[in-house]
C-alpha atoms as a PDB file:
ATOM      1  CA  MET A   1     116.537  52.514 230.336  1.00  0.00           C
ATOM      2  CA  ASN A   2     116.292  48.746 230.494  1.00  0.00           C
ATOM      3  CA  ALA A   3     116.406  46.635 227.361  1.00  0.00           C
ATOM      4  CA  GLU A   4     112.759  45.502 227.487  1.00  0.00           C
ATOM      5  CA  LEU A   5     111.439  49.047 227.728  1.00  0.00           C
ATOM      6  CA  GLU A   6     113.706  50.201 224.917  1.00  0.00           C
ATOM      7  CA  TYR A   7     112.570  47.251 222.783  1.00  0.00           C
ATOM      8  CA  SER A   8     108.882  48.014 223.374  1.00  0.00           C
ATOM      9  CA  ILE A   9     109.457  51.688 222.476  1.00  0.00           C
ATOM     10  CA  MET A  10     111.203  50.616 219.261  1.00  0.00           C
ATOM     11  CA  GLN A  11     108.305  48.293 218.413  1.00  0.00           C
ATOM     12  CA  HIS A  12     105.786  51.087 219.014  1.00  0.00           C
ATOM     13  CA  HIS A  13     107.763  53.510 216.864  1.00  0.00           C
ATOM     14  CA  ALA A  14     108.060  50.933 214.067  1.00  0.00           C
ATOM     15  CA  ALA A  15     104.296  50.357 214.174  1.00  0.00           C
ATOM     16  CA  GLU A  16     103.685  54.120 213.928  1.00  0.00           C
ATOM     17  CA  LEU A  17     105.985  54.338 210.916  1.00  0.00           C
ATOM     18  CA  ARG A  18     104.183  51.418 209.229  1.00  0.00           C
ATOM     19  CA  ARG A  19     100.808  53.108 209.820  1.00  0.00           C
ATOM     20  CA  ALA A  20     102.105  56.397 208.400  1.00  0.00           C
ATOM     21  CA  ALA A  21     103.487  54.616 205.336  1.00  0.00           C
ATOM     22  CA  ALA A  22     100.174  52.831 204.788  1.00  0.00           C
ATOM     23  CA  ASP A  23      98.307  56.147 205.057  1.00  0.00           C
ATOM     24  CA  GLN A  24     100.631  57.763 202.521  1.00  0.00           C
ATOM     25  CA  ARG A  25     100.160  54.799 200.178  1.00  0.00           C
ATOM     26  CA  ARG A  26      96.375  55.118 200.436  1.00  0.00           C
ATOM     27  CA  VAL A  27      96.541  58.844 199.705  1.00  0.00           C
ATOM     28  CA  ARG A  28      98.800  58.281 196.696  1.00  0.00           C
ATOM     29  CA  GLU A  29      96.511  55.556 195.318  1.00  0.00           C
ATOM     30  CA  ALA A  30      93.445  57.758 195.843  1.00  0.00           C
ATOM     31  CA  ARG A  31      95.100  60.639 193.994  1.00  0.00           C
ATOM     32  CA  LYS A  32      95.982  58.339 191.087  1.00  0.00           C
ATOM     33  CA  GLY A  33      92.390  57.132 190.934  1.00  0.00           C
ATOM     34  CA  ASN A  34      91.010  60.684 191.005  1.00  0.00           C
ATOM     35  CA  ARG A  35      93.282  61.782 188.162  1.00  0.00           C
ATOM     36  CA  SER A  36      92.060  59.057 185.838  1.00  0.00           C
ATOM     37  CA  GLU A  37      88.429  59.794 186.733  1.00  0.00           C
ATOM     38  CA  ARG A  38      88.943  63.476 185.991  1.00  0.00           C
ATOM     39  CA  ARG A  39      90.559  62.643 182.672  1.00  0.00           C
ATOM     40  CA  HIS A  40      87.627  60.448 181.640  1.00  0.00           C
ATOM     41  CA  ARG A  41      85.074  62.990 182.765  1.00  0.00           C
ATOM     42  CA  SER A  42      86.766  65.784 180.819  1.00  0.00           C
ATOM     43  CA  VAL A  43      86.856  63.650 177.664  1.00  0.00           C
ATOM     44  CA  LEU A  44      83.189  62.755 178.167  1.00  0.00           C
ATOM     45  CA  ALA A  45      82.303  66.427 178.725  1.00  0.00           C
ATOM     46  CA  ARG A  46      84.028  67.371 175.453  1.00  0.00           C
ATOM     47  CA  LEU A  47      82.130  64.701 173.569  1.00  0.00           C
ATOM     48  CA  ILE A  48      78.799  65.780 175.044  1.00  0.00           C
ATOM     49  CA  ALA A  49      79.488  69.474 174.359  1.00  0.00           C
ATOM     50  CA  SER A  50      80.329  68.802 170.694  1.00  0.00           C
END
């Protein structure tokens, strides 16, 4: 395998890893956001039910 081809494969793989990391970050942030919303809704539901 010549050096240029190997370099382009490495670049492509690095870009895939960056995309995967960004996706995981988005999922983690979305889960954090959903947890806080659920917490607020449950508190609000308790107040309304009382």
